[in-house]
Amino acid sequence: MNENFYIKHQDHLKLYVLLKDKINFENVMTRKQLPFYSEVKEQAFLDGGIRYFILETDRQKVDSLLIENDIVASTETIPNQDFRDIKKFYKVYAWVAVSIVVLIALALIIEFIVFND
């Protein structure tokens, strides 16, 4: 939003929002008429999130919007991670590990029954 470039030259907060939450975040900010400025074209890497500049006076409003809409965001000092994605990964990892253990146990039982007769 180029019309809000003035935010960079005022007392502002840098907020990093994950790429998957970009549309939801911008939609909520626009609906609540809170000005923000983003530098998507000027950022080299987006893996840490998209950098948004928000007025310091809107900080409390933005915090409540992030919580209400379940948007993952961070500041420069706190790294940006979505623990829900990590939880899903570990759930799949646990299922694969349990499946392998069960298959090995079945193979050992079958081997014990077949070769002990």
PDB file of N, CA and C in Angstrom:
ATOM      1  N   MET A   1       0.842  -1.173   0.000  1.00  0.00           N
ATOM      2  CA  MET A   1       0.000   0.000   0.000  1.00  0.00           C
ATOM      3  C   MET A   1       0.893   1.244   0.000  1.00  0.00           C
ATOM      4  N   ASN A   2       1.142   1.794  -1.142  1.00  0.00           N
ATOM      5  CA  ASN A   2       2.056   2.935  -1.271  1.00  0.00           C
ATOM      6  C   ASN A   2       1.514   4.195  -0.633  1.00  0.00           C
ATOM      7  N   GLU A   3       0.197   4.324  -0.514  1.00  0.00           N
ATOM      8  CA  GLU A   3      -0.362   5.538   0.077  1.00  0.00           C
ATOM      9  C   GLU A   3      -0.055   5.638   1.570  1.00  0.00           C
ATOM     10  N   ASN A   4       0.384   4.555   2.177  1.00  0.00           N
ATOM     11  CA  ASN A   4       0.708   4.565   3.605  1.00  0.00           C
ATOM     12  C   ASN A   4       2.212   4.560   3.864  1.00  0.00           C
ATOM     13  N   PHE A   5       2.990   5.010   2.922  1.00  0.00           N
ATOM     14  CA  PHE A   5       4.444   5.044   3.073  1.00  0.00           C
ATOM     15  C   PHE A   5       4.867   5.938   4.242  1.00  0.00           C
ATOM     16  N   TYR A   6       4.040   6.914   4.568  1.00  0.00           N
ATOM     17  CA  TYR A   6       4.363   7.851   5.653  1.00  0.00           C
ATOM     18  C   TYR A   6       4.580   7.122   6.988  1.00  0.00           C
ATOM     19  N   ILE A   7       4.044   5.935   7.138  1.00  0.00           N
ATOM     20  CA  ILE A   7       4.173   5.183   8.386  1.00  0.00           C
ATOM     21  C   ILE A   7       5.639   4.896   8.696  1.00  0.00           C
ATOM     22  N   LYS A   8       6.458   4.655   7.667  1.00  0.00           N
ATOM     23  CA  LYS A   8       7.878   4.362   7.878  1.00  0.00           C
ATOM     24  C   LYS A   8       8.618   5.521   8.533  1.00  0.00           C
ATOM     25  N   HIS A   9       8.114   6.732   8.386  1.00  0.00           N
ATOM     26  CA  HIS A   9       8.798   7.913   8.901  1.00  0.00           C
ATOM     27  C   HIS A   9       8.174   8.436  10.190  1.00  0.00           C
ATOM     28  N   GLN A  10       7.268   7.661  10.756  1.00  0.00           N
ATOM     29  CA  GLN A  10       6.682   8.012  12.045  1.00  0.00           C
ATOM     30  C   GLN A  10       7.063   6.940  13.057  1.00  0.00           C
ATOM     31  N   ASP A  11       6.598   7.103  14.280  1.00  0.00           N
ATOM     32  CA  ASP A  11       6.856   6.101  15.308  1.00  0.00           C
ATOM     33  C   ASP A  11       6.069   4.851  14.938  1.00  0.00           C
ATOM     34  N   HIS A  12       6.802   3.799  14.544  1.00  0.00           N
ATOM     35  CA  HIS A  12       6.139   2.619  14.008  1.00  0.00           C
ATOM     36  C   HIS A  12       6.663   1.328  14.641  1.00  0.00           C
ATOM     37  N   LEU A  13       5.957   0.255  14.351  1.00  0.00           N
ATOM     38  CA  LEU A  13       6.302  -1.085  14.792  1.00  0.00           C
ATOM     39  C   LEU A  13       6.488  -1.939  13.551  1.00  0.00           C
ATOM     40  N   LYS A  14       7.560  -2.722  13.534  1.00  0.00           N
ATOM     41  CA  LYS A  14       7.766  -3.667  12.434  1.00  0.00           C
ATOM     42  C   LYS A  14       7.189  -5.006  12.858  1.00  0.00           C
ATOM     43  N   LEU A  15       6.290  -5.513  12.051  1.00  0.00           N
ATOM     44  CA  LEU A  15       5.613  -6.759  12.344  1.00  0.00           C
ATOM     45  C   LEU A  15       5.825  -7.714  11.185  1.00  0.00           C
ATOM     46  N   TYR A  16       6.182  -8.963  11.476  1.00  0.00           N
ATOM     47  CA  TYR A  16       6.400  -9.973  10.443  1.00  0.00           C
ATOM     48  C   TYR A  16       5.260 -10.973  10.480  1.00  0.00           C
ATOM     49  N   VAL A  17       4.559 -11.109   9.363  1.00  0.00           N
ATOM     50  CA  VAL A  17       3.419 -12.017   9.249  1.00  0.00           C
ATOM     51  C   VAL A  17       3.785 -13.117   8.263  1.00  0.00           C
ATOM     52  N   LEU A  18       3.478 -14.364   8.620  1.00  0.00           N
ATOM     53  CA  LEU A  18       3.777 -15.480   7.726  1.00  0.00           C
ATOM     54  C   LEU A  18       3.031 -15.337   6.409  1.00  0.00           C
ATOM     55  N   LEU A  19       3.633 -15.847   5.362  1.00  0.00           N
ATOM     56  CA  LEU A  19       3.059 -15.730   4.024  1.00  0.00           C
ATOM     57  C   LEU A  19       1.657 -16.337   3.954  1.00  0.00           C
ATOM     58  N   LYS A  20       1.418 -17.420   4.678  1.00  0.00           N
ATOM     59  CA  LYS A  20       0.110 -18.070   4.629  1.00  0.00           C
ATOM     60  C   LYS A  20      -0.983 -17.226   5.296  1.00  0.00           C
ATOM     61  N   ASP A  21      -0.603 -16.258   6.145  1.00  0.00           N
ATOM     62  CA  ASP A  21      -1.575 -15.397   6.820  1.00  0.00           C
ATOM     63  C   ASP A  21      -1.671 -14.010   6.183  1.00  0.00           C
ATOM     64  N   LYS A  22      -0.972 -13.787   5.092  1.00  0.00           N
ATOM     65  CA  LYS A  22      -0.903 -12.467   4.465  1.00  0.00           C
ATOM     66  C   LYS A  22      -2.276 -11.927   4.080  1.00  0.00           C
ATOM     67  N   ILE A  23      -3.056 -12.718   3.375  1.00  0.00           N
ATOM     68  CA  ILE A  23      -4.355 -12.250   2.881  1.00  0.00           C
ATOM     69  C   ILE A  23      -5.292 -11.970   4.046  1.00  0.00           C
ATOM     70  N   ASN A  24      -5.321 -12.864   5.008  1.00  0.00           N
ATOM     71  CA  ASN A  24      -6.194 -12.690   6.167  1.00  0.00           C
ATOM     72  C   ASN A  24      -5.802 -11.433   6.951  1.00  0.00           C
ATOM     73  N   PHE A  25      -4.493 -11.236   7.157  1.00  0.00           N
ATOM     74  CA  PHE A  25      -4.014 -10.071   7.898  1.00  0.00           C
ATOM     75  C   PHE A  25      -4.387  -8.771   7.191  1.00  0.00           C
ATOM     76  N   GLU A  26      -4.103  -8.691   5.898  1.00  0.00           N
ATOM     77  CA  GLU A  26      -4.410  -7.459   5.158  1.00  0.00           C
ATOM     78  C   GLU A  26      -5.914  -7.208   5.107  1.00  0.00           C
ATOM     79  N   ASN A  27      -6.696  -8.261   5.000  1.00  0.00           N
ATOM     80  CA  ASN A  27      -8.149  -8.110   4.976  1.00  0.00           C
ATOM     81  C   ASN A  27      -8.657  -7.540   6.304  1.00  0.00           C
ATOM     82  N   VAL A  28      -8.179  -8.081   7.415  1.00  0.00           N
ATOM     83  CA  VAL A  28      -8.609  -7.613   8.729  1.00  0.00           C
ATOM     84  C   VAL A  28      -8.182  -6.165   8.949  1.00  0.00           C
ATOM     85  N   MET A  29      -6.951  -5.852   8.579  1.00  0.00           N
ATOM     86  CA  MET A  29      -6.461  -4.477   8.755  1.00  0.00           C
ATOM     87  C   MET A  29      -7.267  -3.481   7.919  1.00  0.00           C
ATOM     88  N   THR A  30      -7.632  -3.882   6.712  1.00  0.00           N
ATOM     89  CA  THR A  30      -8.403  -2.996   5.835  1.00  0.00           C
ATOM     90  C   THR A  30      -9.823  -2.817   6.372  1.00  0.00           C
ATOM     91  N   ARG A  31     -10.432  -3.901   6.829  1.00  0.00           N
ATOM     92  CA  ARG A  31     -11.790  -3.808   7.382  1.00  0.00           C
ATOM     93  C   ARG A  31     -11.845  -2.900   8.598  1.00  0.00           C
ATOM     94  N   LYS A  32     -10.828  -2.961   9.444  1.00  0.00           N
ATOM     95  CA  LYS A  32     -10.787  -2.137  10.656  1.00  0.00           C
ATOM     96  C   LYS A  32     -10.210  -0.753  10.382  1.00  0.00           C
ATOM     97  N   GLN A  33      -9.848  -0.488   9.134  1.00  0.00           N
ATOM     98  CA  GLN A  33      -9.312   0.800   8.684  1.00  0.00           C
ATOM     99  C   GLN A  33      -8.065   1.204   9.471  1.00  0.00           C
ATOM    100  N   LEU A  34      -7.188   0.238   9.673  1.00  0.00           N
ATOM    101  CA  LEU A  34      -5.907   0.500  10.315  1.00  0.00           C
ATOM    102  C   LEU A  34      -4.839   0.602   9.223  1.00  0.00           C
ATOM    103  N   PRO A  35      -4.134   1.714   9.148  1.00  0.00           N
ATOM    104  CA  PRO A  35      -3.125   1.877   8.092  1.00  0.00           C
ATOM    105  C   PRO A  35      -1.907   0.994   8.327  1.00  0.00           C
ATOM    106  N   PHE A  36      -1.353   0.484   7.241  1.00  0.00           N
ATOM    107  CA  PHE A  36      -0.137  -0.324   7.306  1.00  0.00           C
ATOM    108  C   PHE A  36       0.603  -0.165   5.989  1.00  0.00           C
ATOM    109  N   TYR A  37       1.888  -0.482   6.031  1.00  0.00           N
ATOM    110  CA  TYR A  37       2.720  -0.428   4.837  1.00  0.00           C
ATOM    111  C   TYR A  37       3.562  -1.689   4.807  1.00  0.00           C
ATOM    112  N   SER A  38       3.656  -2.323   3.644  1.00  0.00           N
ATOM    113  CA  SER A  38       4.482  -3.529   3.536  1.00  0.00           C
ATOM    114  C   SER A  38       5.513  -3.350   2.432  1.00  0.00           C
ATOM    115  N   GLU A  39       6.629  -4.042   2.594  1.00  0.00           N
ATOM    116  CA  GLU A  39       7.737  -3.960   1.636  1.00  0.00           C
ATOM    117  C   GLU A  39       7.981  -5.320   0.993  1.00  0.00           C
ATOM    118  N   VAL A  40       7.005  -5.905   0.381  1.00  0.00           N
ATOM    119  CA  VAL A  40       7.172  -7.233  -0.203  1.00  0.00           C
ATOM    120  C   VAL A  40       8.215  -7.210  -1.310  1.00  0.00           C
ATOM    121  N   LYS A  41       8.204  -6.201  -2.144  1.00  0.00           N
ATOM    122  CA  LYS A  41       9.136  -6.132  -3.274  1.00  0.00           C
ATOM    123  C   LYS A  41      10.567  -5.848  -2.822  1.00  0.00           C
ATOM    124  N   GLU A  42      10.721  -5.229  -1.676  1.00  0.00           N
ATOM    125  CA  GLU A  42      12.052  -4.862  -1.198  1.00  0.00           C
ATOM    126  C   GLU A  42      12.673  -5.918  -0.292  1.00  0.00           C
ATOM    127  N   GLN A  43      11.916  -6.953   0.071  1.00  0.00           N
ATOM    128  CA  GLN A  43      12.428  -8.009   0.931  1.00  0.00           C
ATOM    129  C   GLN A  43      13.103  -9.085   0.109  1.00  0.00           C
ATOM    130  N   ALA A  44      14.278  -9.479   0.536  1.00  0.00           N
ATOM    131  CA  ALA A  44      14.999 -10.515  -0.202  1.00  0.00           C
ATOM    132  C   ALA A  44      14.414 -11.899   0.059  1.00  0.00           C
ATOM    133  N   PHE A  45      14.095 -12.191   1.304  1.00  0.00           N
ATOM    134  CA  PHE A  45      13.581 -13.505   1.672  1.00  0.00           C
ATOM    135  C   PHE A  45      12.263 -13.335   2.416  1.00  0.00           C
ATOM    136  N   LEU A  46      11.305 -14.185   2.088  1.00  0.00           N
ATOM    137  CA  LEU A  46      10.000 -14.110   2.737  1.00  0.00           C
ATOM    138  C   LEU A  46       9.780 -15.245   3.729  1.00  0.00           C
ATOM    139  N   ASP A  47      10.797 -16.080   3.943  1.00  0.00           N
ATOM    140  CA  ASP A  47      10.603 -17.222   4.835  1.00  0.00           C
ATOM    141  C   ASP A  47      10.408 -16.798   6.287  1.00  0.00           C
ATOM    142  N   GLY A  48      10.892 -15.642   6.669  1.00  0.00           N
ATOM    143  CA  GLY A  48      10.691 -15.142   8.030  1.00  0.00           C
ATOM    144  C   GLY A  48       9.405 -14.362   8.178  1.00  0.00           C
ATOM    145  N   GLY A  49       8.683 -14.206   7.090  1.00  0.00           N
ATOM    146  CA  GLY A  49       7.429 -13.456   7.111  1.00  0.00           C
ATOM    147  C   GLY A  49       7.535 -12.185   6.303  1.00  0.00           C
ATOM    148  N   ILE A  50       6.404 -11.622   6.016  1.00  0.00           N
ATOM    149  CA  ILE A  50       6.344 -10.355   5.280  1.00  0.00           C
ATOM    150  C   ILE A  50       6.392  -9.218   6.289  1.00  0.00           C
ATOM    151  N   ARG A  51       7.263  -8.247   6.029  1.00  0.00           N
ATOM    152  CA  ARG A  51       7.445  -7.136   6.967  1.00  0.00           C
ATOM    153  C   ARG A  51       6.368  -6.077   6.745  1.00  0.00           C
ATOM    154  N   TYR A  52       5.679  -5.749   7.818  1.00  0.00           N
ATOM    155  CA  TYR A  52       4.666  -4.696   7.792  1.00  0.00           C
ATOM    156  C   TYR A  52       5.071  -3.607   8.769  1.00  0.00           C
ATOM    157  N   PHE A  53       4.822  -2.372   8.385  1.00  0.00           N
ATOM    158  CA  PHE A  53       5.044  -1.236   9.261  1.00  0.00           C
ATOM    159  C   PHE A  53       3.679  -0.761   9.733  1.00  0.00           C
ATOM    160  N   ILE A  54       3.527  -0.679  11.055  1.00  0.00           N
ATOM    161  CA  ILE A  54       2.256  -0.305  11.652  1.00  0.00           C
ATOM    162  C   ILE A  54       2.529   0.829  12.636  1.00  0.00           C
ATOM    163  N   LEU A  55       1.610   1.774  12.703  1.00  0.00           N
ATOM    164  CA  LEU A  55       1.780   2.875  13.640  1.00  0.00           C
ATOM    165  C   LEU A  55       1.806   2.362  15.074  1.00  0.00           C
ATOM    166  N   GLU A  56       2.692   2.930  15.864  1.00  0.00           N
ATOM    167  CA  GLU A  56       2.815   2.528  17.277  1.00  0.00           C
ATOM    168  C   GLU A  56       1.506   2.780  18.025  1.00  0.00           C
ATOM    169  N   THR A  57       0.758   3.764  17.625  1.00  0.00           N
ATOM    170  CA  THR A  57      -0.514   4.070  18.291  1.00  0.00           C
ATOM    171  C   THR A  57      -1.570   2.986  18.063  1.00  0.00           C
ATOM    172  N   ASP A  58      -1.400   2.190  17.013  1.00  0.00           N
ATOM    173  CA  ASP A  58      -2.355   1.120  16.707  1.00  0.00           C
ATOM    174  C   ASP A  58      -1.919  -0.235  17.252  1.00  0.00           C
ATOM    175  N   ARG A  59      -0.880  -0.253  18.039  1.00  0.00           N
ATOM    176  CA  ARG A  59      -0.297  -1.511  18.503  1.00  0.00           C
ATOM    177  C   ARG A  59      -1.307  -2.391  19.251  1.00  0.00           C
ATOM    178  N   GLN A  60      -2.030  -1.827  20.189  1.00  0.00           N
ATOM    179  CA  GLN A  60      -2.991  -2.608  20.977  1.00  0.00           C
ATOM    180  C   GLN A  60      -4.115  -3.154  20.107  1.00  0.00           C
ATOM    181  N   LYS A  61      -4.583  -2.361  19.165  1.00  0.00           N
ATOM    182  CA  LYS A  61      -5.646  -2.815  18.263  1.00  0.00           C
ATOM    183  C   LYS A  61      -5.166  -3.977  17.400  1.00  0.00           C
ATOM    184  N   VAL A  62      -3.944  -3.844  16.892  1.00  0.00           N
ATOM    185  CA  VAL A  62      -3.386  -4.898  16.039  1.00  0.00           C
ATOM    186  C   VAL A  62      -3.158  -6.175  16.849  1.00  0.00           C
ATOM    187  N   ASP A  63      -2.670  -6.031  18.082  1.00  0.00           N
ATOM    188  CA  ASP A  63      -2.471  -7.213  18.936  1.00  0.00           C
ATOM    189  C   ASP A  63      -3.781  -7.974  19.130  1.00  0.00           C
ATOM    190  N   SER A  64      -4.843  -7.259  19.409  1.00  0.00           N
ATOM    191  CA  SER A  64      -6.127  -7.934  19.622  1.00  0.00           C
ATOM    192  C   SER A  64      -6.648  -8.553  18.327  1.00  0.00           C
ATOM    193  N   LEU A  65      -6.409  -7.897  17.183  1.00  0.00           N
ATOM    194  CA  LEU A  65      -6.848  -8.463  15.901  1.00  0.00           C
ATOM    195  C   LEU A  65      -6.080  -9.746  15.579  1.00  0.00           C
ATOM    196  N   LEU A  66      -4.804  -9.772  15.891  1.00  0.00           N
ATOM    197  CA  LEU A  66      -4.005 -10.970  15.643  1.00  0.00           C
ATOM    198  C   LEU A  66      -4.518 -12.147  16.474  1.00  0.00           C
ATOM    199  N   ILE A  67      -4.835 -11.876  17.715  1.00  0.00           N
ATOM    200  CA  ILE A  67      -5.325 -12.938  18.599  1.00  0.00           C
ATOM    201  C   ILE A  67      -6.713 -13.406  18.170  1.00  0.00           C
ATOM    202  N   GLU A  68      -7.599 -12.467  17.870  1.00  0.00           N
ATOM    203  CA  GLU A  68      -8.975 -12.810  17.487  1.00  0.00           C
ATOM    204  C   GLU A  68      -9.024 -13.621  16.198  1.00  0.00           C
ATOM    205  N   ASN A  69      -8.141 -13.319  15.252  1.00  0.00           N
ATOM    206  CA  ASN A  69      -8.180 -13.957  13.938  1.00  0.00           C
ATOM    207  C   ASN A  69      -7.159 -15.074  13.781  1.00  0.00           C
ATOM    208  N   ASP A  70      -6.488 -15.434  14.869  1.00  0.00           N
ATOM    209  CA  ASP A  70      -5.546 -16.553  14.879  1.00  0.00           C
ATOM    210  C   ASP A  70      -4.469 -16.400  13.804  1.00  0.00           C
ATOM    211  N   ILE A  71      -3.883 -15.201  13.736  1.00  0.00           N
ATOM    212  CA  ILE A  71      -2.825 -14.891  12.775  1.00  0.00           C
ATOM    213  C   ILE A  71      -1.482 -14.960  13.497  1.00  0.00           C
ATOM    214  N   VAL A  72      -0.529 -15.666  12.893  1.00  0.00           N
ATOM    215  CA  VAL A  72       0.804 -15.798  13.481  1.00  0.00           C
ATOM    216  C   VAL A  72       1.661 -14.625  12.999  1.00  0.00           C
ATOM    217  N   ALA A  73       2.175 -13.855  13.964  1.00  0.00           N
ATOM    218  CA  ALA A  73       3.010 -12.708  13.633  1.00  0.00           C
ATOM    219  C   ALA A  73       4.091 -12.567  14.694  1.00  0.00           C
ATOM    220  N   SER A  74       5.132 -11.831  14.351  1.00  0.00           N
ATOM    221  CA  SER A  74       6.216 -11.609  15.312  1.00  0.00           C
ATOM    222  C   SER A  74       6.875 -10.261  15.043  1.00  0.00           C
ATOM    223  N   THR A  75       7.792  -9.914  15.935  1.00  0.00           N
ATOM    224  CA  THR A  75       8.576  -8.697  15.749  1.00  0.00           C
ATOM    225  C   THR A  75       9.976  -9.083  15.300  1.00  0.00           C
ATOM    226  N   GLU A  76      10.856  -8.115  15.192  1.00  0.00           N
ATOM    227  CA  GLU A  76      12.218  -8.403  14.738  1.00  0.00           C
ATOM    228  C   GLU A  76      13.014  -9.219  15.751  1.00  0.00           C
ATOM    229  N   THR A  77      12.737  -9.045  17.026  1.00  0.00           N
ATOM    230  CA  THR A  77      13.525  -9.719  18.048  1.00  0.00           C
ATOM    231  C   THR A  77      13.040 -11.130  18.345  1.00  0.00           C
ATOM    232  N   ILE A  78      11.787 -11.415  18.037  1.00  0.00           N
ATOM    233  CA  ILE A  78      11.226 -12.735  18.305  1.00  0.00           C
ATOM    234  C   ILE A  78      11.043 -13.456  16.977  1.00  0.00           C
ATOM    235  N   PRO A  79      11.673 -14.628  16.791  1.00  0.00           N
ATOM    236  CA  PRO A  79      11.538 -15.332  15.509  1.00  0.00           C
ATOM    237  C   PRO A  79      10.102 -15.792  15.260  1.00  0.00           C
ATOM    238  N   ASN A  80       9.776 -15.893  13.996  1.00  0.00           N
ATOM    239  CA  ASN A  80       8.428 -16.216  13.570  1.00  0.00           C
ATOM    240  C   ASN A  80       8.313 -17.704  13.278  1.00  0.00           C
ATOM    241  N   GLN A  81       7.524 -18.424  14.064  1.00  0.00           N
ATOM    242  CA  GLN A  81       7.291 -19.843  13.822  1.00  0.00           C
ATOM    243  C   GLN A  81       5.823 -20.145  14.078  1.00  0.00           C
ATOM    244  N   ASP A  82       5.298 -21.034  13.290  1.00  0.00           N
ATOM    245  CA  ASP A  82       3.934 -21.488  13.497  1.00  0.00           C
ATOM    246  C   ASP A  82       4.015 -22.890  14.077  1.00  0.00           C
ATOM    247  N   PHE A  83       3.783 -23.007  15.368  1.00  0.00           N
ATOM    248  CA  PHE A  83       3.930 -24.282  16.039  1.00  0.00           C
ATOM    249  C   PHE A  83       2.842 -25.276  15.654  1.00  0.00           C
ATOM    250  N   ARG A  84       1.756 -24.774  15.068  1.00  0.00           N
ATOM    251  CA  ARG A  84       0.712 -25.690  14.599  1.00  0.00           C
ATOM    252  C   ARG A  84       1.238 -26.548  13.458  1.00  0.00           C
ATOM    253  N   ASP A  85       2.050 -25.988  12.577  1.00  0.00           N
ATOM    254  CA  ASP A  85       2.633 -26.756  11.478  1.00  0.00           C
ATOM    255  C   ASP A  85       3.620 -27.794  11.998  1.00  0.00           C
ATOM    256  N   ILE A  86       4.413 -27.417  12.994  1.00  0.00           N
ATOM    257  CA  ILE A  86       5.379 -28.349  13.572  1.00  0.00           C
ATOM    258  C   ILE A  86       4.651 -29.494  14.259  1.00  0.00           C
ATOM    259  N   LYS A  87       3.552 -29.186  14.919  1.00  0.00           N
ATOM    260  CA  LYS A  87       2.763 -30.211  15.593  1.00  0.00           C
ATOM    261  C   LYS A  87       2.229 -31.228  14.587  1.00  0.00           C
ATOM    262  N   LYS A  88       1.774 -30.757  13.440  1.00  0.00           N
ATOM    263  CA  LYS A  88       1.290 -31.659  12.392  1.00  0.00           C
ATOM    264  C   LYS A  88       2.420 -32.561  11.897  1.00  0.00           C
ATOM    265  N   PHE A  89       3.605 -31.997  11.741  1.00  0.00           N
ATOM    266  CA  PHE A  89       4.755 -32.781  11.292  1.00  0.00           C
ATOM    267  C   PHE A  89       5.064 -33.890  12.287  1.00  0.00           C
ATOM    268  N   TYR A  90       5.094 -33.558  13.563  1.00  0.00           N
ATOM    269  CA  TYR A  90       5.402 -34.571  14.574  1.00  0.00           C
ATOM    270  C   TYR A  90       4.320 -35.638  14.667  1.00  0.00           C
ATOM    271  N   LYS A  91       3.082 -35.270  14.407  1.00  0.00           N
ATOM    272  CA  LYS A  91       2.008 -36.262  14.421  1.00  0.00           C
ATOM    273  C   LYS A  91       2.216 -37.276  13.300  1.00  0.00           C
ATOM    274  N   VAL A  92       2.563 -36.816  12.113  1.00  0.00           N
ATOM    275  CA  VAL A  92       2.837 -37.715  10.986  1.00  0.00           C
ATOM    276  C   VAL A  92       4.076 -38.563  11.290  1.00  0.00           C
ATOM    277  N   TYR A  93       5.102 -37.948  11.850  1.00  0.00           N
ATOM    278  CA  TYR A  93       6.328 -38.659  12.205  1.00  0.00           C
ATOM    279  C   TYR A  93       6.031 -39.777  13.208  1.00  0.00           C
ATOM    280  N   ALA A  94       5.191 -39.483  14.195  1.00  0.00           N
ATOM    281  CA  ALA A  94       4.833 -40.498  15.198  1.00  0.00           C
ATOM    282  C   ALA A  94       4.075 -41.661  14.558  1.00  0.00           C
ATOM    283  N   TRP A  95       3.151 -41.361  13.648  1.00  0.00           N
ATOM    284  CA  TRP A  95       2.400 -42.432  12.977  1.00  0.00           C
ATOM    285  C   TRP A  95       3.327 -43.323  12.151  1.00  0.00           C
ATOM    286  N   VAL A  96       4.269 -42.739  11.461  1.00  0.00           N
ATOM    287  CA  VAL A  96       5.210 -43.516  10.650  1.00  0.00           C
ATOM    288  C   VAL A  96       6.083 -44.383  11.558  1.00  0.00           C
ATOM    289  N   ALA A  97       6.563 -43.828  12.649  1.00  0.00           N
ATOM    290  CA  ALA A  97       7.405 -44.592  13.572  1.00  0.00           C
ATOM    291  C   ALA A  97       6.645 -45.760  14.189  1.00  0.00           C
ATOM    292  N   VAL A  98       5.418 -45.515  14.608  1.00  0.00           N
ATOM    293  CA  VAL A  98       4.599 -46.590  15.191  1.00  0.00           C
ATOM    294  C   VAL A  98       4.312 -47.668  14.146  1.00  0.00           C
ATOM    295  N   SER A  99       4.027 -47.251  12.924  1.00  0.00           N
ATOM    296  CA  SER A  99       3.757 -48.220  11.852  1.00  0.00           C
ATOM    297  C   SER A  99       4.972 -49.114  11.595  1.00  0.00           C
ATOM    298  N   ILE A 100       6.146 -48.536  11.571  1.00  0.00           N
ATOM    299  CA  ILE A 100       7.371 -49.319  11.338  1.00  0.00           C
ATOM    300  C   ILE A 100       7.593 -50.305  12.485  1.00  0.00           C
ATOM    301  N   VAL A 101       7.403 -49.865  13.710  1.00  0.00           N
ATOM    302  CA  VAL A 101       7.575 -50.754  14.864  1.00  0.00           C
ATOM    303  C   VAL A 101       6.573 -51.905  14.805  1.00  0.00           C
ATOM    304  N   VAL A 102       5.327 -51.625  14.459  1.00  0.00           N
ATOM    305  CA  VAL A 102       4.303 -52.670  14.363  1.00  0.00           C
ATOM    306  C   VAL A 102       4.661 -53.660  13.254  1.00  0.00           C
ATOM    307  N   LEU A 103       5.113 -53.168  12.104  1.00  0.00           N
ATOM    308  CA  LEU A 103       5.504 -54.071  11.009  1.00  0.00           C
ATOM    309  C   LEU A 103       6.685 -54.957  11.405  1.00  0.00           C
ATOM    310  N   ILE A 104       7.652 -54.419  12.080  1.00  0.00           N
ATOM    311  CA  ILE A 104       8.797 -55.216  12.531  1.00  0.00           C
ATOM    312  C   ILE A 104       8.339 -56.265  13.542  1.00  0.00           C
ATOM    313  N   ALA A 105       7.462 -55.868  14.464  1.00  0.00           N
ATOM    314  CA  ALA A 105       6.959 -56.814  15.460  1.00  0.00           C
ATOM    315  C   ALA A 105       6.182 -57.944  14.793  1.00  0.00           C
ATOM    316  N   LEU A 106       5.352 -57.607  13.800  1.00  0.00           N
ATOM    317  CA  LEU A 106       4.612 -58.639  13.067  1.00  0.00           C
ATOM    318  C   LEU A 106       5.559 -59.574  12.327  1.00  0.00           C
ATOM    319  N   ALA A 107       6.580 -59.023  11.705  1.00  0.00           N
ATOM    320  CA  ALA A 107       7.542 -59.846  10.982  1.00  0.00           C
ATOM    321  C   ALA A 107       8.262 -60.798  11.932  1.00  0.00           C
ATOM    322  N   LEU A 108       8.637 -60.331  13.112  1.00  0.00           N
ATOM    323  CA  LEU A 108       9.305 -61.185  14.102  1.00  0.00           C
ATOM    324  C   LEU A 108       8.369 -62.287  14.614  1.00  0.00           C
ATOM    325  N   ILE A 109       7.114 -61.954  14.839  1.00  0.00           N
ATOM    326  CA  ILE A 109       6.144 -62.953  15.297  1.00  0.00           C
ATOM    327  C   ILE A 109       5.931 -64.020  14.235  1.00  0.00           C
ATOM    328  N   ILE A 110       5.770 -63.592  12.988  1.00  0.00           N
ATOM    329  CA  ILE A 110       5.576 -64.542  11.888  1.00  0.00           C
ATOM    330  C   ILE A 110       6.813 -65.424  11.736  1.00  0.00           C
ATOM    331  N   GLU A 111       7.991 -64.825  11.804  1.00  0.00           N
ATOM    332  CA  GLU A 111       9.226 -65.598  11.692  1.00  0.00           C
ATOM    333  C   GLU A 111       9.344 -66.607  12.828  1.00  0.00           C
ATOM    334  N   PHE A 112       8.997 -66.210  14.034  1.00  0.00           N
ATOM    335  CA  PHE A 112       9.070 -67.103  15.183  1.00  0.00           C
ATOM    336  C   PHE A 112       8.093 -68.280  15.031  1.00  0.00           C
ATOM    337  N   ILE A 113       6.895 -68.008  14.538  1.00  0.00           N
ATOM    338  CA  ILE A 113       5.882 -69.069  14.369  1.00  0.00           C
ATOM    339  C   ILE A 113       6.280 -70.013  13.243  1.00  0.00           C
ATOM    340  N   VAL A 114       6.728 -69.502  12.111  1.00  0.00           N
ATOM    341  CA  VAL A 114       7.033 -70.311  10.938  1.00  0.00           C
ATOM    342  C   VAL A 114       8.291 -71.143  11.157  1.00  0.00           C
ATOM    343  N   PHE A 115       9.330 -70.575  11.691  1.00  0.00           N
ATOM    344  CA  PHE A 115      10.611 -71.276  11.762  1.00  0.00           C
ATOM    345  C   PHE A 115      10.799 -72.097  13.045  1.00  0.00           C
ATOM    346  N   ASN A 116       9.910 -72.005  13.998  1.00  0.00           N
ATOM    347  CA  ASN A 116      10.031 -72.816  15.211  1.00  0.00           C
ATOM    348  C   ASN A 116       9.231 -74.116  15.113  1.00  0.00           C
ATOM    349  N   ASP A 117       8.505 -74.333  14.065  1.00  0.00           N
ATOM    350  CA  ASP A 117       7.754 -75.597  13.909  1.00  0.00           C
ATOM    351  C   ASP A 117       8.544 -76.658  13.258  1.00  0.00           C
TER     352      ASP A 117
END
